[in-house]
Amino acid sequence: MKNIVIIILFVLVTFDSFSQKENTLLRQGNRKFDNGEYKEAEKDYRKALELNKESVPGQFNLGDAVYKNNNFEEATKIYSNLSEKKTDPGVQSKIFHNLGNSYLQSKEYEKSIVAYKNSLMNNPKNVDTKYNLEYAKMMLKKQQQQQQQNKDNKDQKDDKKDQKDKKDQNQDQNQKNDQQKQPQDQKKISKEDADRMLEALKNDEKKTMQKVKKQKAKVQVIGIEKDW
Protein backbone atom coordinates (compact mmCIF):
# COMPACT_ATOMS: atom_id res chain seq x y z
CA MET A 1 0.00 0.00 0.00
CA LYS A 2 2.83 2.36 0.90
CA ASN A 3 4.53 1.58 -2.44
CA ILE A 4 1.36 2.47 -4.32
CA VAL A 5 1.08 5.76 -2.46
CA ILE A 6 4.72 6.55 -3.16
CA ILE A 7 4.23 5.84 -6.88
CA ILE A 8 1.11 8.03 -7.03
CA LEU A 9 2.90 10.86 -5.24
CA PHE A 10 5.90 10.52 -7.59
CA VAL A 11 3.62 10.73 -10.63
CA LEU A 12 1.84 13.77 -9.23
CA VAL A 13 5.12 15.53 -8.42
CA THR A 14 6.51 14.72 -11.88
CA PHE A 15 3.35 15.95 -13.59
CA ASP A 16 3.38 19.13 -11.52
CA SER A 17 7.03 19.68 -12.40
CA PHE A 18 6.34 19.29 -16.12
CA SER A 19 3.33 21.60 -15.82
CA GLN A 20 5.37 24.27 -14.06
CA LYS A 21 8.11 24.02 -16.65
CA GLU A 22 5.54 24.26 -19.46
CA ASN A 23 3.97 27.36 -17.92
CA THR A 24 7.41 28.90 -17.39
CA LEU A 25 8.25 28.40 -21.06
CA LEU A 26 4.90 29.84 -22.13
CA ARG A 27 5.33 32.94 -19.96
CA GLN A 28 8.89 33.31 -21.19
CA GLY A 29 7.68 33.03 -24.78
CA ASN A 30 4.94 35.59 -24.14
CA ARG A 31 7.45 38.15 -22.85
CA LYS A 32 9.61 37.69 -25.94
CA PHE A 33 6.54 37.89 -28.17
CA ASP A 34 5.47 41.17 -26.56
CA ASN A 35 8.99 42.51 -27.18
CA GLY A 36 8.75 41.59 -30.87
CA GLU A 37 11.22 38.70 -30.53
CA TYR A 38 9.02 36.33 -32.50
CA LYS A 39 11.73 33.85 -33.49
CA GLU A 40 12.82 33.39 -29.88
CA ALA A 41 9.21 33.22 -28.69
CA GLU A 42 8.53 30.50 -31.25
CA LYS A 43 11.38 28.42 -29.79
CA ASP A 44 9.95 28.66 -26.27
CA TYR A 45 6.46 27.70 -27.43
CA ARG A 46 7.82 24.67 -29.26
CA LYS A 47 9.70 23.60 -26.14
CA ALA A 48 6.51 23.97 -24.10
CA LEU A 49 4.64 21.79 -26.61
CA GLU A 50 7.30 19.11 -26.29
CA LEU A 51 6.18 18.83 -22.66
CA ASN A 52 2.46 18.97 -23.52
CA LYS A 53 1.63 18.70 -27.22
CA GLU A 54 -2.11 18.99 -26.50
CA SER A 55 -1.77 22.37 -24.83
CA VAL A 56 -4.27 24.78 -26.39
CA PRO A 57 -2.42 27.91 -25.14
CA GLY A 58 0.87 26.47 -26.41
CA GLN A 59 -0.53 25.74 -29.87
CA PHE A 60 -2.38 29.04 -30.06
CA ASN A 61 0.68 31.06 -29.07
CA LEU A 62 2.88 29.08 -31.46
CA GLY A 63 0.40 29.91 -34.22
CA ASP A 64 0.72 33.60 -33.34
CA ALA A 65 4.53 33.41 -33.39
CA VAL A 66 4.83 31.64 -36.74
CA TYR A 67 2.23 34.05 -38.17
CA LYS A 68 4.39 36.98 -37.04
CA ASN A 69 7.36 35.24 -38.68
CA ASN A 70 5.38 35.28 -41.96
CA ASN A 71 5.01 31.50 -41.97
CA PHE A 72 1.34 31.68 -42.93
CA GLU A 73 1.13 28.11 -44.19
CA GLU A 74 2.11 26.61 -40.82
CA ALA A 75 -0.03 29.15 -38.96
CA THR A 76 -3.01 28.03 -41.04
CA LYS A 77 -2.38 24.38 -40.12
CA ILE A 78 -2.05 25.18 -36.42
CA TYR A 79 -5.23 27.26 -36.23
CA SER A 80 -7.12 24.79 -38.40
CA ASN A 81 -6.23 21.94 -36.04
CA LEU A 82 -7.13 24.06 -33.02
CA SER A 83 -10.52 24.94 -34.50
CA GLU A 84 -11.48 21.25 -34.29
CA LYS A 85 -10.85 21.14 -30.54
CA LYS A 86 -13.64 21.77 -28.05
CA THR A 87 -12.97 25.10 -26.38
CA ASP A 88 -15.17 27.86 -24.98
CA PRO A 89 -16.76 30.29 -27.51
CA GLY A 90 -14.37 33.14 -26.64
CA VAL A 91 -11.28 31.07 -27.44
CA GLN A 92 -12.95 29.51 -30.47
CA SER A 93 -13.72 32.96 -31.82
CA LYS A 94 -10.05 33.98 -31.51
CA ILE A 95 -8.89 30.77 -33.19
CA PHE A 96 -11.17 31.32 -36.20
CA HIS A 97 -10.25 35.01 -36.33
CA ASN A 98 -6.54 34.14 -36.58
CA LEU A 99 -7.29 31.36 -39.05
CA GLY A 100 -9.07 33.95 -41.20
CA ASN A 101 -6.02 36.24 -40.98
CA SER A 102 -3.73 33.41 -42.10
CA TYR A 103 -5.91 32.64 -45.11
CA LEU A 104 -6.11 36.36 -45.86
CA GLN A 105 -2.32 36.69 -45.94
CA SER A 106 -2.16 33.74 -48.36
CA LYS A 107 -4.81 35.44 -50.57
CA GLU A 108 -7.24 32.57 -50.00
CA TYR A 109 -10.07 35.04 -49.57
CA GLU A 110 -12.99 32.63 -49.79
CA LYS A 111 -11.57 30.51 -46.94
CA SER A 112 -10.80 33.61 -44.88
CA ILE A 113 -14.43 34.76 -45.23
CA VAL A 114 -15.68 31.37 -43.95
CA ALA A 115 -13.27 31.54 -41.00
CA TYR A 116 -14.33 35.09 -40.05
CA LYS A 117 -18.00 34.07 -40.19
CA ASN A 118 -17.27 31.14 -37.87
CA SER A 119 -15.47 33.56 -35.54
CA LEU A 120 -18.51 35.85 -35.45
CA MET A 121 -20.80 32.93 -34.75
CA ASN A 122 -18.85 32.44 -31.51
CA ASN A 123 -18.55 36.16 -30.77
CA PRO A 124 -20.89 38.38 -32.84
CA LYS A 125 -19.62 41.55 -31.13
CA ASN A 126 -16.01 41.30 -32.33
CA VAL A 127 -15.54 44.51 -34.30
CA ASP A 128 -12.10 43.55 -35.62
CA THR A 129 -13.48 40.35 -37.11
CA LYS A 130 -16.34 42.27 -38.75
CA TYR A 131 -13.85 44.69 -40.31
CA ASN A 132 -11.63 41.86 -41.54
CA LEU A 133 -14.64 40.06 -42.98
CA GLU A 134 -15.61 43.08 -45.08
CA TYR A 135 -12.01 43.57 -46.16
CA ALA A 136 -11.78 39.90 -47.24
CA LYS A 137 -15.00 40.29 -49.26
CA MET A 138 -13.59 43.36 -50.99
CA MET A 139 -10.31 41.57 -51.81
CA LEU A 140 -12.18 38.54 -53.13
CA LYS A 141 -14.19 40.78 -55.45
CA LYS A 142 -10.98 42.41 -56.75
CA GLN A 143 -9.37 39.01 -57.21
CA GLN A 144 -12.34 37.74 -59.21
CA GLN A 145 -12.37 40.88 -61.37
CA GLN A 146 -8.64 40.49 -62.03
CA GLN A 147 -9.10 36.82 -62.94
CA GLN A 148 -11.92 37.74 -65.32
CA GLN A 149 -9.81 40.48 -66.89
CA ASN A 150 -6.90 38.06 -67.34
CA LYS A 151 -9.28 35.57 -68.96
CA ASP A 152 -10.65 38.24 -71.32
CA ASN A 153 -7.12 39.34 -72.25
CA LYS A 154 -6.16 35.73 -72.92
CA ASP A 155 -9.24 35.22 -75.09
CA GLN A 156 -8.39 38.37 -77.07
CA LYS A 157 -4.81 37.20 -77.56
CA ASP A 158 -6.06 33.81 -78.70
CA ASP A 159 -8.46 35.47 -81.17
CA LYS A 160 -5.69 37.68 -82.55
CA LYS A 161 -3.42 34.67 -82.85
CA ASP A 162 -6.12 32.73 -84.71
CA GLN A 163 -6.66 35.67 -87.07
CA LYS A 164 -2.90 35.97 -87.66
CA ASP A 165 -2.62 32.23 -88.29
CA LYS A 166 -5.47 32.44 -90.81
CA LYS A 167 -3.86 35.43 -92.49
CA ASP A 168 -0.52 33.64 -92.66
CA GLN A 169 -2.21 30.56 -94.09
CA ASN A 170 -3.93 32.65 -96.75
CA GLN A 171 -0.66 34.37 -97.64
CA ASP A 172 1.10 31.02 -97.87
CA GLN A 173 -1.68 29.70 -100.10
CA ASN A 174 -1.49 32.78 -102.33
CA GLN A 175 2.27 32.40 -102.62
CA LYS A 176 1.85 28.75 -103.58
CA ASN A 177 -0.71 29.71 -106.20
CA ASP A 178 1.62 32.40 -107.57
CA GLN A 179 4.50 29.93 -107.66
CA GLN A 180 2.34 27.44 -109.52
CA LYS A 181 1.28 30.08 -112.04
CA GLN A 182 4.75 31.60 -112.41
CA PRO A 183 6.44 28.86 -114.50
CA GLN A 184 3.53 28.86 -116.96
CA ASP A 185 3.69 32.65 -117.32
CA GLN A 186 7.47 32.58 -117.73
CA LYS A 187 7.20 29.84 -120.31
CA LYS A 188 4.62 31.80 -122.28
CA ILE A 189 6.63 35.06 -122.15
CA SER A 190 9.91 33.44 -123.17
CA LYS A 191 8.26 31.78 -126.16
CA GLU A 192 6.68 35.00 -127.45
CA ASP A 193 9.61 37.32 -126.81
CA ALA A 194 12.58 35.00 -127.32
CA ASP A 195 13.64 36.48 -130.66
CA ARG A 196 13.23 40.06 -129.45
CA MET A 197 15.24 39.36 -126.28
CA LEU A 198 18.05 37.71 -128.26
CA GLU A 199 18.19 40.68 -130.60
CA ALA A 200 18.32 43.06 -127.66
CA LEU A 201 21.15 41.07 -126.09
CA LYS A 202 23.10 41.25 -129.37
CA ASN A 203 22.62 45.01 -129.57
CA ASP A 204 23.74 45.40 -125.95
CA GLU A 205 26.80 43.32 -126.64
CA LYS A 206 27.72 45.51 -129.66
CA LYS A 207 27.29 48.70 -127.61
CA THR A 208 29.41 47.22 -124.83
CA MET A 209 32.21 46.30 -127.21
CA GLN A 210 32.15 49.81 -128.71
CA LYS A 211 32.43 51.32 -125.24
CA VAL A 212 35.37 49.07 -124.43
CA LYS A 213 37.14 50.07 -127.64
CA LYS A 214 36.59 53.76 -126.91
CA GLN A 215 37.90 53.34 -123.36
CA LYS A 216 41.01 51.59 -124.65
CA ALA A 217 41.57 54.27 -127.28
CA LYS A 218 41.12 56.99 -124.74
CA VAL A 219 43.55 55.40 -122.37
CA GLN A 220 46.05 54.95 -125.14
CA VAL A 221 45.72 58.60 -126.17
CA ILE A 222 46.30 59.75 -122.60
CA GLY A 223 49.27 57.50 -122.37
CA ILE A 224 50.77 58.98 -125.50
CA GLU A 225 50.29 62.56 -124.33
CA LYS A 226 51.83 61.66 -121.03
CA ASP A 227 54.84 60.15 -122.64
CA TRP A 228 55.33 63.24 -124.74
C-alpha atoms as a PDB file:
ATOM      1  CA  MET A   1       0.000   0.000   0.000  1.00  0.00           C
ATOM      2  CA  LYS A   2       2.834   2.358   0.899  1.00  0.00           C
ATOM      3  CA  ASN A   3       4.532   1.576  -2.435  1.00  0.00           C
ATOM      4  CA  ILE A   4       1.364   2.469  -4.323  1.00  0.00           C
ATOM      5  CA  VAL A   5       1.077   5.756  -2.457  1.00  0.00           C
ATOM      6  CA  ILE A   6       4.723   6.553  -3.160  1.00  0.00           C
ATOM      7  CA  ILE A   7       4.231   5.839  -6.884  1.00  0.00           C
ATOM      8  CA  ILE A   8       1.110   8.035  -7.033  1.00  0.00           C
ATOM      9  CA  LEU A   9       2.905  10.857  -5.236  1.00  0.00           C
ATOM     10  CA  PHE A  10       5.897  10.521  -7.590  1.00  0.00           C
ATOM     11  CA  VAL A  11       3.619  10.730 -10.633  1.00  0.00           C
ATOM     12  CA  LEU A  12       1.841  13.770  -9.229  1.00  0.00           C
ATOM     13  CA  VAL A  13       5.118  15.527  -8.416  1.00  0.00           C
ATOM     14  CA  THR A  14       6.505  14.718 -11.876  1.00  0.00           C
ATOM     15  CA  PHE A  15       3.348  15.955 -13.591  1.00  0.00           C
ATOM     16  CA  ASP A  16       3.376  19.130 -11.523  1.00  0.00           C
ATOM     17  CA  SER A  17       7.029  19.684 -12.398  1.00  0.00           C
ATOM     18  CA  PHE A  18       6.344  19.292 -16.121  1.00  0.00           C
ATOM     19  CA  SER A  19       3.327  21.598 -15.823  1.00  0.00           C
ATOM     20  CA  GLN A  20       5.370  24.266 -14.060  1.00  0.00           C
ATOM     21  CA  LYS A  21       8.111  24.024 -16.654  1.00  0.00           C
ATOM     22  CA  GLU A  22       5.537  24.262 -19.456  1.00  0.00           C
ATOM     23  CA  ASN A  23       3.968  27.360 -17.918  1.00  0.00           C
ATOM     24  CA  THR A  24       7.406  28.904 -17.388  1.00  0.00           C
ATOM     25  CA  LEU A  25       8.247  28.403 -21.060  1.00  0.00           C
ATOM     26  CA  LEU A  26       4.895  29.835 -22.134  1.00  0.00           C
ATOM     27  CA  ARG A  27       5.328  32.936 -19.963  1.00  0.00           C
ATOM     28  CA  GLN A  28       8.891  33.308 -21.192  1.00  0.00           C
ATOM     29  CA  GLY A  29       7.676  33.031 -24.782  1.00  0.00           C
ATOM     30  CA  ASN A  30       4.945  35.588 -24.142  1.00  0.00           C
ATOM     31  CA  ARG A  31       7.453  38.147 -22.850  1.00  0.00           C
ATOM     32  CA  LYS A  32       9.607  37.694 -25.938  1.00  0.00           C
ATOM     33  CA  PHE A  33       6.539  37.886 -28.169  1.00  0.00           C
ATOM     34  CA  ASP A  34       5.474  41.175 -26.558  1.00  0.00           C
ATOM     35  CA  ASN A  35       8.992  42.513 -27.182  1.00  0.00           C
ATOM     36  CA  GLY A  36       8.753  41.592 -30.872  1.00  0.00           C
ATOM     37  CA  GLU A  37      11.225  38.697 -30.534  1.00  0.00           C
ATOM     38  CA  TYR A  38       9.025  36.333 -32.498  1.00  0.00           C
ATOM     39  CA  LYS A  39      11.730  33.845 -33.493  1.00  0.00           C
ATOM     40  CA  GLU A  40      12.822  33.389 -29.883  1.00  0.00           C
ATOM     41  CA  ALA A  41       9.214  33.225 -28.687  1.00  0.00           C
ATOM     42  CA  GLU A  42       8.528  30.504 -31.251  1.00  0.00           C
ATOM     43  CA  LYS A  43      11.382  28.419 -29.793  1.00  0.00           C
ATOM     44  CA  ASP A  44       9.949  28.663 -26.270  1.00  0.00           C
ATOM     45  CA  TYR A  45       6.463  27.701 -27.431  1.00  0.00           C
ATOM     46  CA  ARG A  46       7.815  24.674 -29.263  1.00  0.00           C
ATOM     47  CA  LYS A  47       9.697  23.602 -26.139  1.00  0.00           C
ATOM     48  CA  ALA A  48       6.512  23.966 -24.101  1.00  0.00           C
ATOM     49  CA  LEU A  49       4.636  21.795 -26.606  1.00  0.00           C
ATOM     50  CA  GLU A  50       7.304  19.109 -26.289  1.00  0.00           C
ATOM     51  CA  LEU A  51       6.181  18.829 -22.665  1.00  0.00           C
ATOM     52  CA  ASN A  52       2.463  18.966 -23.518  1.00  0.00           C
ATOM     53  CA  LYS A  53       1.635  18.697 -27.216  1.00  0.00           C
ATOM     54  CA  GLU A  54      -2.113  18.989 -26.505  1.00  0.00           C
ATOM     55  CA  SER A  55      -1.767  22.370 -24.834  1.00  0.00           C
ATOM     56  CA  VAL A  56      -4.265  24.782 -26.387  1.00  0.00           C
ATOM     57  CA  PRO A  57      -2.421  27.905 -25.137  1.00  0.00           C
ATOM     58  CA  GLY A  58       0.867  26.469 -26.410  1.00  0.00           C
ATOM     59  CA  GLN A  59      -0.530  25.738 -29.867  1.00  0.00           C
ATOM     60  CA  PHE A  60      -2.385  29.037 -30.063  1.00  0.00           C
ATOM     61  CA  ASN A  61       0.684  31.061 -29.075  1.00  0.00           C
ATOM     62  CA  LEU A  62       2.876  29.079 -31.463  1.00  0.00           C
ATOM     63  CA  GLY A  63       0.395  29.910 -34.217  1.00  0.00           C
ATOM     64  CA  ASP A  64       0.719  33.597 -33.335  1.00  0.00           C
ATOM     65  CA  ALA A  65       4.531  33.410 -33.388  1.00  0.00           C
ATOM     66  CA  VAL A  66       4.826  31.639 -36.745  1.00  0.00           C
ATOM     67  CA  TYR A  67       2.227  34.046 -38.167  1.00  0.00           C
ATOM     68  CA  LYS A  68       4.393  36.978 -37.043  1.00  0.00           C
ATOM     69  CA  ASN A  69       7.359  35.241 -38.675  1.00  0.00           C
ATOM     70  CA  ASN A  70       5.375  35.283 -41.956  1.00  0.00           C
ATOM     71  CA  ASN A  71       5.007  31.496 -41.972  1.00  0.00           C
ATOM     72  CA  PHE A  72       1.337  31.680 -42.926  1.00  0.00           C
ATOM     73  CA  GLU A  73       1.126  28.112 -44.187  1.00  0.00           C
ATOM     74  CA  GLU A  74       2.111  26.613 -40.816  1.00  0.00           C
ATOM     75  CA  ALA A  75      -0.030  29.153 -38.962  1.00  0.00           C
ATOM     76  CA  THR A  76      -3.012  28.034 -41.039  1.00  0.00           C
ATOM     77  CA  LYS A  77      -2.383  24.380 -40.120  1.00  0.00           C
ATOM     78  CA  ILE A  78      -2.046  25.185 -36.419  1.00  0.00           C
ATOM     79  CA  TYR A  79      -5.234  27.264 -36.228  1.00  0.00           C
ATOM     80  CA  SER A  80      -7.121  24.794 -38.398  1.00  0.00           C
ATOM     81  CA  ASN A  81      -6.228  21.940 -36.042  1.00  0.00           C
ATOM     82  CA  LEU A  82      -7.127  24.060 -33.019  1.00  0.00           C
ATOM     83  CA  SER A  83     -10.521  24.941 -34.503  1.00  0.00           C
ATOM     84  CA  GLU A  84     -11.480  21.246 -34.288  1.00  0.00           C
ATOM     85  CA  LYS A  85     -10.850  21.140 -30.536  1.00  0.00           C
ATOM     86  CA  LYS A  86     -13.638  21.767 -28.048  1.00  0.00           C
ATOM     87  CA  THR A  87     -12.971  25.103 -26.377  1.00  0.00           C
ATOM     88  CA  ASP A  88     -15.170  27.862 -24.978  1.00  0.00           C
ATOM     89  CA  PRO A  89     -16.756  30.295 -27.512  1.00  0.00           C
ATOM     90  CA  GLY A  90     -14.369  33.139 -26.639  1.00  0.00           C
ATOM     91  CA  VAL A  91     -11.278  31.071 -27.441  1.00  0.00           C
ATOM     92  CA  GLN A  92     -12.950  29.508 -30.467  1.00  0.00           C
ATOM     93  CA  SER A  93     -13.724  32.958 -31.821  1.00  0.00           C
ATOM     94  CA  LYS A  94     -10.053  33.982 -31.509  1.00  0.00           C
ATOM     95  CA  ILE A  95      -8.888  30.773 -33.192  1.00  0.00           C
ATOM     96  CA  PHE A  96     -11.172  31.323 -36.197  1.00  0.00           C
ATOM     97  CA  HIS A  97     -10.248  35.012 -36.328  1.00  0.00           C
ATOM     98  CA  ASN A  98      -6.542  34.140 -36.582  1.00  0.00           C
ATOM     99  CA  LEU A  99      -7.292  31.364 -39.052  1.00  0.00           C
ATOM    100  CA  GLY A 100      -9.066  33.951 -41.196  1.00  0.00           C
ATOM    101  CA  ASN A 101      -6.022  36.239 -40.977  1.00  0.00           C
ATOM    102  CA  SER A 102      -3.728  33.408 -42.101  1.00  0.00           C
ATOM    103  CA  TYR A 103      -5.908  32.644 -45.112  1.00  0.00           C
ATOM    104  CA  LEU A 104      -6.113  36.356 -45.865  1.00  0.00           C
ATOM    105  CA  GLN A 105      -2.322  36.691 -45.945  1.00  0.00           C
ATOM    106  CA  SER A 106      -2.161  33.736 -48.356  1.00  0.00           C
ATOM    107  CA  LYS A 107      -4.809  35.442 -50.568  1.00  0.00           C
ATOM    108  CA  GLU A 108      -7.238  32.574 -50.002  1.00  0.00           C
ATOM    109  CA  TYR A 109     -10.067  35.039 -49.568  1.00  0.00           C
ATOM    110  CA  GLU A 110     -12.987  32.632 -49.788  1.00  0.00           C
ATOM    111  CA  LYS A 111     -11.567  30.512 -46.945  1.00  0.00           C
ATOM    112  CA  SER A 112     -10.801  33.605 -44.879  1.00  0.00           C
ATOM    113  CA  ILE A 113     -14.425  34.755 -45.233  1.00  0.00           C
ATOM    114  CA  VAL A 114     -15.680  31.372 -43.951  1.00  0.00           C
ATOM    115  CA  ALA A 115     -13.267  31.545 -40.995  1.00  0.00           C
ATOM    116  CA  TYR A 116     -14.333  35.090 -40.052  1.00  0.00           C
ATOM    117  CA  LYS A 117     -17.997  34.071 -40.194  1.00  0.00           C
ATOM    118  CA  ASN A 118     -17.265  31.142 -37.866  1.00  0.00           C
ATOM    119  CA  SER A 119     -15.472  33.560 -35.545  1.00  0.00           C
ATOM    120  CA  LEU A 120     -18.506  35.854 -35.451  1.00  0.00           C
ATOM    121  CA  MET A 121     -20.801  32.932 -34.747  1.00  0.00           C
ATOM    122  CA  ASN A 122     -18.854  32.438 -31.511  1.00  0.00           C
ATOM    123  CA  ASN A 123     -18.553  36.155 -30.771  1.00  0.00           C
ATOM    124  CA  PRO A 124     -20.885  38.384 -32.836  1.00  0.00           C
ATOM    125  CA  LYS A 125     -19.623  41.554 -31.126  1.00  0.00           C
ATOM    126  CA  ASN A 126     -16.012  41.295 -32.326  1.00  0.00           C
ATOM    127  CA  VAL A 127     -15.542  44.509 -34.298  1.00  0.00           C
ATOM    128  CA  ASP A 128     -12.100  43.550 -35.624  1.00  0.00           C
ATOM    129  CA  THR A 129     -13.480  40.352 -37.110  1.00  0.00           C
ATOM    130  CA  LYS A 130     -16.339  42.268 -38.749  1.00  0.00           C
ATOM    131  CA  TYR A 131     -13.853  44.686 -40.310  1.00  0.00           C
ATOM    132  CA  ASN A 132     -11.627  41.865 -41.544  1.00  0.00           C
ATOM    133  CA  LEU A 133     -14.636  40.057 -42.981  1.00  0.00           C
ATOM    134  CA  GLU A 134     -15.606  43.077 -45.076  1.00  0.00           C
ATOM    135  CA  TYR A 135     -12.006  43.572 -46.160  1.00  0.00           C
ATOM    136  CA  ALA A 136     -11.779  39.903 -47.236  1.00  0.00           C
ATOM    137  CA  LYS A 137     -14.997  40.288 -49.258  1.00  0.00           C
ATOM    138  CA  MET A 138     -13.592  43.357 -50.993  1.00  0.00           C
ATOM    139  CA  MET A 139     -10.311  41.572 -51.809  1.00  0.00           C
ATOM    140  CA  LEU A 140     -12.184  38.536 -53.127  1.00  0.00           C
ATOM    141  CA  LYS A 141     -14.187  40.777 -55.452  1.00  0.00           C
ATOM    142  CA  LYS A 142     -10.976  42.407 -56.753  1.00  0.00           C
ATOM    143  CA  GLN A 143      -9.369  39.010 -57.214  1.00  0.00           C
ATOM    144  CA  GLN A 144     -12.342  37.739 -59.206  1.00  0.00           C
ATOM    145  CA  GLN A 145     -12.367  40.876 -61.368  1.00  0.00           C
ATOM    146  CA  GLN A 146      -8.639  40.486 -62.033  1.00  0.00           C
ATOM    147  CA  GLN A 147      -9.104  36.822 -62.943  1.00  0.00           C
ATOM    148  CA  GLN A 148     -11.922  37.737 -65.323  1.00  0.00           C
ATOM    149  CA  GLN A 149      -9.807  40.481 -66.894  1.00  0.00           C
ATOM    150  CA  ASN A 150      -6.901  38.058 -67.335  1.00  0.00           C
ATOM    151  CA  LYS A 151      -9.276  35.575 -68.959  1.00  0.00           C
ATOM    152  CA  ASP A 152     -10.650  38.243 -71.317  1.00  0.00           C
ATOM    153  CA  ASN A 153      -7.124  39.336 -72.254  1.00  0.00           C
ATOM    154  CA  LYS A 154      -6.155  35.735 -72.923  1.00  0.00           C
ATOM    155  CA  ASP A 155      -9.235  35.219 -75.087  1.00  0.00           C
ATOM    156  CA  GLN A 156      -8.391  38.373 -77.071  1.00  0.00           C
ATOM    157  CA  LYS A 157      -4.807  37.203 -77.560  1.00  0.00           C
ATOM    158  CA  ASP A 158      -6.057  33.806 -78.696  1.00  0.00           C
ATOM    159  CA  ASP A 159      -8.463  35.467 -81.167  1.00  0.00           C
ATOM    160  CA  LYS A 160      -5.688  37.675 -82.552  1.00  0.00           C
ATOM    161  CA  LYS A 161      -3.420  34.667 -82.850  1.00  0.00           C
ATOM    162  CA  ASP A 162      -6.125  32.731 -84.708  1.00  0.00           C
ATOM    163  CA  GLN A 163      -6.659  35.670 -87.066  1.00  0.00           C
ATOM    164  CA  LYS A 164      -2.902  35.968 -87.659  1.00  0.00           C
ATOM    165  CA  ASP A 165      -2.615  32.234 -88.294  1.00  0.00           C
ATOM    166  CA  LYS A 166      -5.467  32.436 -90.809  1.00  0.00           C
ATOM    167  CA  LYS A 167      -3.860  35.429 -92.495  1.00  0.00           C
ATOM    168  CA  ASP A 168      -0.521  33.638 -92.663  1.00  0.00           C
ATOM    169  CA  GLN A 169      -2.209  30.558 -94.088  1.00  0.00           C
ATOM    170  CA  ASN A 170      -3.935  32.652 -96.754  1.00  0.00           C
ATOM    171  CA  GLN A 171      -0.659  34.372 -97.636  1.00  0.00           C
ATOM    172  CA  ASP A 172       1.099  31.024 -97.866  1.00  0.00           C
ATOM    173  CA  GLN A 173      -1.680  29.702-100.098  1.00  0.00           C
ATOM    174  CA  ASN A 174      -1.490  32.784-102.332  1.00  0.00           C
ATOM    175  CA  GLN A 175       2.265  32.397-102.622  1.00  0.00           C
ATOM    176  CA  LYS A 176       1.855  28.754-103.579  1.00  0.00           C
ATOM    177  CA  ASN A 177      -0.711  29.705-106.203  1.00  0.00           C
ATOM    178  CA  ASP A 178       1.621  32.396-107.567  1.00  0.00           C
ATOM    179  CA  GLN A 179       4.495  29.934-107.658  1.00  0.00           C
ATOM    180  CA  GLN A 180       2.337  27.439-109.515  1.00  0.00           C
ATOM    181  CA  LYS A 181       1.275  30.078-112.041  1.00  0.00           C
ATOM    182  CA  GLN A 182       4.746  31.603-112.405  1.00  0.00           C
ATOM    183  CA  PRO A 183       6.438  28.856-114.499  1.00  0.00           C
ATOM    184  CA  GLN A 184       3.532  28.861-116.960  1.00  0.00           C
ATOM    185  CA  ASP A 185       3.691  32.650-117.321  1.00  0.00           C
ATOM    186  CA  GLN A 186       7.469  32.579-117.733  1.00  0.00           C
ATOM    187  CA  LYS A 187       7.202  29.843-120.311  1.00  0.00           C
ATOM    188  CA  LYS A 188       4.618  31.802-122.275  1.00  0.00           C
ATOM    189  CA  ILE A 189       6.626  35.060-122.148  1.00  0.00           C
ATOM    190  CA  SER A 190       9.912  33.443-123.170  1.00  0.00           C
ATOM    191  CA  LYS A 191       8.258  31.781-126.163  1.00  0.00           C
ATOM    192  CA  GLU A 192       6.677  34.996-127.447  1.00  0.00           C
ATOM    193  CA  ASP A 193       9.609  37.319-126.811  1.00  0.00           C
ATOM    194  CA  ALA A 194      12.581  34.995-127.317  1.00  0.00           C
ATOM    195  CA  ASP A 195      13.639  36.476-130.659  1.00  0.00           C
ATOM    196  CA  ARG A 196      13.234  40.059-129.450  1.00  0.00           C
ATOM    197  CA  MET A 197      15.237  39.357-126.280  1.00  0.00           C
ATOM    198  CA  LEU A 198      18.051  37.711-128.263  1.00  0.00           C
ATOM    199  CA  GLU A 199      18.187  40.683-130.598  1.00  0.00           C
ATOM    200  CA  ALA A 200      18.323  43.059-127.656  1.00  0.00           C
ATOM    201  CA  LEU A 201      21.152  41.074-126.091  1.00  0.00           C
ATOM    202  CA  LYS A 202      23.096  41.246-129.368  1.00  0.00           C
ATOM    203  CA  ASN A 203      22.619  45.009-129.574  1.00  0.00           C
ATOM    204  CA  ASP A 204      23.737  45.404-125.949  1.00  0.00           C
ATOM    205  CA  GLU A 205      26.798  43.318-126.639  1.00  0.00           C
ATOM    206  CA  LYS A 206      27.716  45.512-129.657  1.00  0.00           C
ATOM    207  CA  LYS A 207      27.294  48.696-127.613  1.00  0.00           C
ATOM    208  CA  THR A 208      29.409  47.224-124.828  1.00  0.00           C
ATOM    209  CA  MET A 209      32.212  46.300-127.214  1.00  0.00           C
ATOM    210  CA  GLN A 210      32.146  49.811-128.711  1.00  0.00           C
ATOM    211  CA  LYS A 211      32.431  51.325-125.237  1.00  0.00           C
ATOM    212  CA  VAL A 212      35.369  49.066-124.431  1.00  0.00           C
ATOM    213  CA  LYS A 213      37.142  50.070-127.638  1.00  0.00           C
ATOM    214  CA  LYS A 214      36.590  53.762-126.915  1.00  0.00           C
ATOM    215  CA  GLN A 215      37.900  53.336-123.360  1.00  0.00           C
ATOM    216  CA  LYS A 216      41.008  51.592-124.651  1.00  0.00           C
ATOM    217  CA  ALA A 217      41.571  54.271-127.284  1.00  0.00           C
ATOM    218  CA  LYS A 218      41.120  56.987-124.740  1.00  0.00           C
ATOM    219  CA  VAL A 219      43.548  55.400-122.372  1.00  0.00           C
ATOM    220  CA  GLN A 220      46.045  54.948-125.141  1.00  0.00           C
ATOM    221  CA  VAL A 221      45.720  58.604-126.170  1.00  0.00           C
ATOM    222  CA  ILE A 222      46.296  59.754-122.598  1.00  0.00           C
ATOM    223  CA  GLY A 223      49.266  57.502-122.374  1.00  0.00           C
ATOM    224  CA  ILE A 224      50.769  58.979-125.499  1.00  0.00           C
ATOM    225  CA  GLU A 225      50.289  62.559-124.333  1.00  0.00           C
ATOM    226  CA  LYS A 226      51.826  61.661-121.033  1.00  0.00           C
ATOM    227  CA  ASP A 227      54.840  60.152-122.639  1.00  0.00           C
ATOM    228  CA  TRP A 228      55.327  63.236-124.741  1.00  0.00           C
END
